[in-house]
Amino acid sequence: MLRTIFAVGAMALLGLFLLKFVFGIFGGLFALLFVLLGLAIKIALVGLVVYLVIRLVSPDTARRLRNRWGA
C-alpha cells in the first residue's frame, strides 16, 4: 500500500517535471508563432489599405488586380 502511494507520487512529480520541461521548450516556439502572426496581420492590413487606395484612385487597375489574384 505504501509502495503504491510512493509510486503514484513519484510518477506525479515526474509528470510535473516533464510538463515544465516541455512547455519551457515550446513556450519560445509559441511566442515566435504569435510574433509572426502579429506581423502577418500588420502586413495584411497594409495590403488592404493599399488596395483600397488603388480602388478609389484607379478602379480599372483594382479590377485587374482582383482578376489576377482574387476571386
N, C-alpha and C. Protein backbone atom coordinates (compact mmCIF):
# COMPACT_ATOMS: atom_id res chain seq x y z
N MET A 1 0.82 -1.19 0.00
CA MET A 1 0.00 0.00 0.00
C MET A 1 0.87 1.26 0.00
N LEU A 2 1.85 1.29 0.90
CA LEU A 2 2.74 2.45 1.00
C LEU A 2 3.60 2.57 -0.25
N ARG A 3 3.99 1.41 -0.79
CA ARG A 3 4.80 1.41 -2.01
C ARG A 3 4.00 1.99 -3.17
N THR A 4 2.73 1.68 -3.28
CA THR A 4 1.86 2.20 -4.34
C THR A 4 1.70 3.71 -4.22
N ILE A 5 1.52 4.18 -3.01
CA ILE A 5 1.38 5.62 -2.79
C ILE A 5 2.64 6.36 -3.20
N PHE A 6 3.81 5.82 -2.84
CA PHE A 6 5.07 6.44 -3.24
C PHE A 6 5.26 6.38 -4.76
N ALA A 7 4.86 5.29 -5.38
CA ALA A 7 4.99 5.17 -6.84
C ALA A 7 4.11 6.19 -7.55
N VAL A 8 2.88 6.36 -7.07
CA VAL A 8 1.98 7.35 -7.67
C VAL A 8 2.55 8.75 -7.47
N GLY A 9 3.06 9.04 -6.30
CA GLY A 9 3.67 10.34 -6.03
C GLY A 9 4.88 10.60 -6.90
N ALA A 10 5.72 9.58 -7.09
CA ALA A 10 6.90 9.72 -7.94
C ALA A 10 6.49 9.97 -9.39
N MET A 11 5.49 9.26 -9.86
CA MET A 11 5.01 9.47 -11.23
C MET A 11 4.43 10.86 -11.40
N ALA A 12 3.72 11.35 -10.40
CA ALA A 12 3.15 12.69 -10.46
C ALA A 12 4.27 13.74 -10.52
N LEU A 13 5.30 13.58 -9.70
CA LEU A 13 6.42 14.51 -9.73
C LEU A 13 7.16 14.45 -11.06
N LEU A 14 7.35 13.26 -11.58
CA LEU A 14 8.00 13.11 -12.88
C LEU A 14 7.15 13.77 -13.98
N GLY A 15 5.85 13.58 -13.92
CA GLY A 15 4.96 14.21 -14.90
C GLY A 15 5.02 15.73 -14.82
N LEU A 16 5.03 16.28 -13.63
CA LEU A 16 5.13 17.73 -13.47
C LEU A 16 6.46 18.25 -14.01
N PHE A 17 7.54 17.53 -13.73
CA PHE A 17 8.85 17.92 -14.26
C PHE A 17 8.84 17.91 -15.77
N LEU A 18 8.29 16.86 -16.38
CA LEU A 18 8.25 16.77 -17.84
C LEU A 18 7.37 17.85 -18.45
N LEU A 19 6.23 18.17 -17.82
CA LEU A 19 5.38 19.24 -18.32
C LEU A 19 6.11 20.58 -18.30
N LYS A 20 6.81 20.85 -17.21
CA LYS A 20 7.56 22.10 -17.12
C LYS A 20 8.66 22.15 -18.18
N PHE A 21 9.31 21.03 -18.39
CA PHE A 21 10.37 20.97 -19.39
C PHE A 21 9.82 21.17 -20.80
N VAL A 22 8.75 20.48 -21.14
CA VAL A 22 8.16 20.57 -22.48
C VAL A 22 7.64 21.97 -22.75
N PHE A 23 6.88 22.54 -21.80
CA PHE A 23 6.34 23.87 -22.03
C PHE A 23 7.43 24.94 -21.95
N GLY A 24 8.53 24.66 -21.29
CA GLY A 24 9.66 25.58 -21.30
C GLY A 24 10.28 25.66 -22.68
N ILE A 25 10.37 24.51 -23.36
CA ILE A 25 10.92 24.49 -24.71
C ILE A 25 9.93 25.07 -25.71
N PHE A 26 8.68 24.62 -25.64
CA PHE A 26 7.69 25.06 -26.61
C PHE A 26 7.15 26.45 -26.33
N GLY A 27 7.42 26.99 -25.16
CA GLY A 27 6.99 28.35 -24.86
C GLY A 27 7.62 29.35 -25.80
N GLY A 28 8.89 29.17 -26.09
CA GLY A 28 9.57 30.03 -27.05
C GLY A 28 8.99 29.90 -28.45
N LEU A 29 8.61 28.69 -28.82
CA LEU A 29 8.02 28.48 -30.15
C LEU A 29 6.64 29.14 -30.24
N PHE A 30 5.86 29.06 -29.14
CA PHE A 30 4.56 29.73 -29.14
C PHE A 30 4.73 31.24 -29.22
N ALA A 31 5.73 31.77 -28.55
CA ALA A 31 5.99 33.21 -28.60
C ALA A 31 6.37 33.61 -30.03
N LEU A 32 7.21 32.83 -30.68
CA LEU A 32 7.59 33.10 -32.06
C LEU A 32 6.38 33.04 -32.99
N LEU A 33 5.50 32.06 -32.76
CA LEU A 33 4.29 31.94 -33.56
C LEU A 33 3.43 33.19 -33.44
N PHE A 34 3.25 33.69 -32.22
CA PHE A 34 2.40 34.86 -32.03
C PHE A 34 3.05 36.12 -32.60
N VAL A 35 4.36 36.22 -32.55
CA VAL A 35 5.05 37.36 -33.16
C VAL A 35 4.85 37.33 -34.67
N LEU A 36 5.02 36.16 -35.28
CA LEU A 36 4.83 36.04 -36.73
C LEU A 36 3.38 36.28 -37.13
N LEU A 37 2.45 35.83 -36.29
CA LEU A 37 1.03 36.07 -36.56
C LEU A 37 0.72 37.56 -36.52
N GLY A 38 1.26 38.26 -35.55
CA GLY A 38 1.07 39.71 -35.47
C GLY A 38 1.65 40.42 -36.67
N LEU A 39 2.83 39.99 -37.11
CA LEU A 39 3.45 40.57 -38.30
C LEU A 39 2.60 40.32 -39.55
N ALA A 40 2.07 39.12 -39.67
CA ALA A 40 1.23 38.79 -40.83
C ALA A 40 -0.04 39.64 -40.84
N ILE A 41 -0.62 39.88 -39.69
CA ILE A 41 -1.82 40.71 -39.62
C ILE A 41 -1.50 42.15 -40.02
N LYS A 42 -0.37 42.67 -39.57
CA LYS A 42 0.03 44.04 -39.95
C LYS A 42 0.25 44.14 -41.45
N ILE A 43 0.91 43.15 -42.04
CA ILE A 43 1.16 43.17 -43.49
C ILE A 43 -0.16 43.09 -44.25
N ALA A 44 -1.10 42.27 -43.77
CA ALA A 44 -2.40 42.16 -44.43
C ALA A 44 -3.17 43.48 -44.35
N LEU A 45 -3.08 44.17 -43.22
CA LEU A 45 -3.77 45.45 -43.10
C LEU A 45 -3.17 46.51 -44.02
N VAL A 46 -1.85 46.52 -44.15
CA VAL A 46 -1.21 47.47 -45.07
C VAL A 46 -1.63 47.15 -46.50
N GLY A 47 -1.66 45.89 -46.86
CA GLY A 47 -2.10 45.49 -48.20
C GLY A 47 -3.54 45.90 -48.46
N LEU A 48 -4.39 45.76 -47.46
CA LEU A 48 -5.79 46.16 -47.60
C LEU A 48 -5.91 47.66 -47.83
N VAL A 49 -5.15 48.45 -47.08
CA VAL A 49 -5.18 49.91 -47.24
C VAL A 49 -4.68 50.29 -48.64
N VAL A 50 -3.59 49.66 -49.09
CA VAL A 50 -3.07 49.96 -50.43
C VAL A 50 -4.10 49.59 -51.49
N TYR A 51 -4.75 48.45 -51.35
CA TYR A 51 -5.77 48.05 -52.32
C TYR A 51 -6.94 49.02 -52.33
N LEU A 52 -7.38 49.46 -51.15
CA LEU A 52 -8.50 50.41 -51.10
C LEU A 52 -8.13 51.74 -51.74
N VAL A 53 -6.90 52.19 -51.55
CA VAL A 53 -6.46 53.43 -52.19
C VAL A 53 -6.43 53.25 -53.70
N ILE A 54 -5.92 52.12 -54.17
CA ILE A 54 -5.89 51.86 -55.61
C ILE A 54 -7.32 51.78 -56.15
N ARG A 55 -8.20 51.18 -55.38
CA ARG A 55 -9.59 51.05 -55.82
C ARG A 55 -10.27 52.41 -55.94
N LEU A 56 -9.95 53.33 -55.05
CA LEU A 56 -10.53 54.67 -55.12
C LEU A 56 -9.91 55.49 -56.25
N VAL A 57 -8.59 55.38 -56.43
CA VAL A 57 -7.90 56.20 -57.43
C VAL A 57 -8.08 55.64 -58.83
N SER A 58 -7.93 54.33 -58.97
CA SER A 58 -7.99 53.72 -60.29
C SER A 58 -8.77 52.41 -60.23
N PRO A 59 -10.08 52.48 -60.42
CA PRO A 59 -10.91 51.26 -60.33
C PRO A 59 -10.52 50.19 -61.36
N ASP A 60 -10.06 50.62 -62.54
CA ASP A 60 -9.68 49.65 -63.56
C ASP A 60 -8.46 48.83 -63.13
N THR A 61 -7.49 49.49 -62.51
CA THR A 61 -6.31 48.78 -62.00
C THR A 61 -6.71 47.81 -60.89
N ALA A 62 -7.61 48.25 -60.02
CA ALA A 62 -8.08 47.38 -58.95
C ALA A 62 -8.80 46.16 -59.52
N ARG A 63 -9.55 46.36 -60.59
CA ARG A 63 -10.27 45.24 -61.22
C ARG A 63 -9.27 44.24 -61.81
N ARG A 64 -8.21 44.76 -62.45
CA ARG A 64 -7.18 43.87 -63.00
C ARG A 64 -6.47 43.10 -61.90
N LEU A 65 -6.16 43.77 -60.79
CA LEU A 65 -5.53 43.08 -59.65
C LEU A 65 -6.44 42.00 -59.09
N ARG A 66 -7.73 42.32 -58.95
CA ARG A 66 -8.69 41.34 -58.42
C ARG A 66 -8.81 40.15 -59.36
N ASN A 67 -8.80 40.39 -60.67
CA ASN A 67 -8.89 39.28 -61.63
C ASN A 67 -7.64 38.42 -61.64
N ARG A 68 -6.49 39.06 -61.41
CA ARG A 68 -5.24 38.32 -61.43
C ARG A 68 -5.06 37.45 -60.18
N TRP A 69 -5.33 38.02 -58.98
CA TRP A 69 -5.03 37.30 -57.74
C TRP A 69 -6.26 36.93 -56.94
N GLY A 70 -7.35 37.56 -57.17
CA GLY A 70 -8.52 37.33 -56.33
C GLY A 70 -9.56 36.47 -57.00
N ALA A 71 -10.70 36.49 -56.36
CA ALA A 71 -11.80 35.69 -56.88
C ALA A 71 -12.61 36.47 -57.91
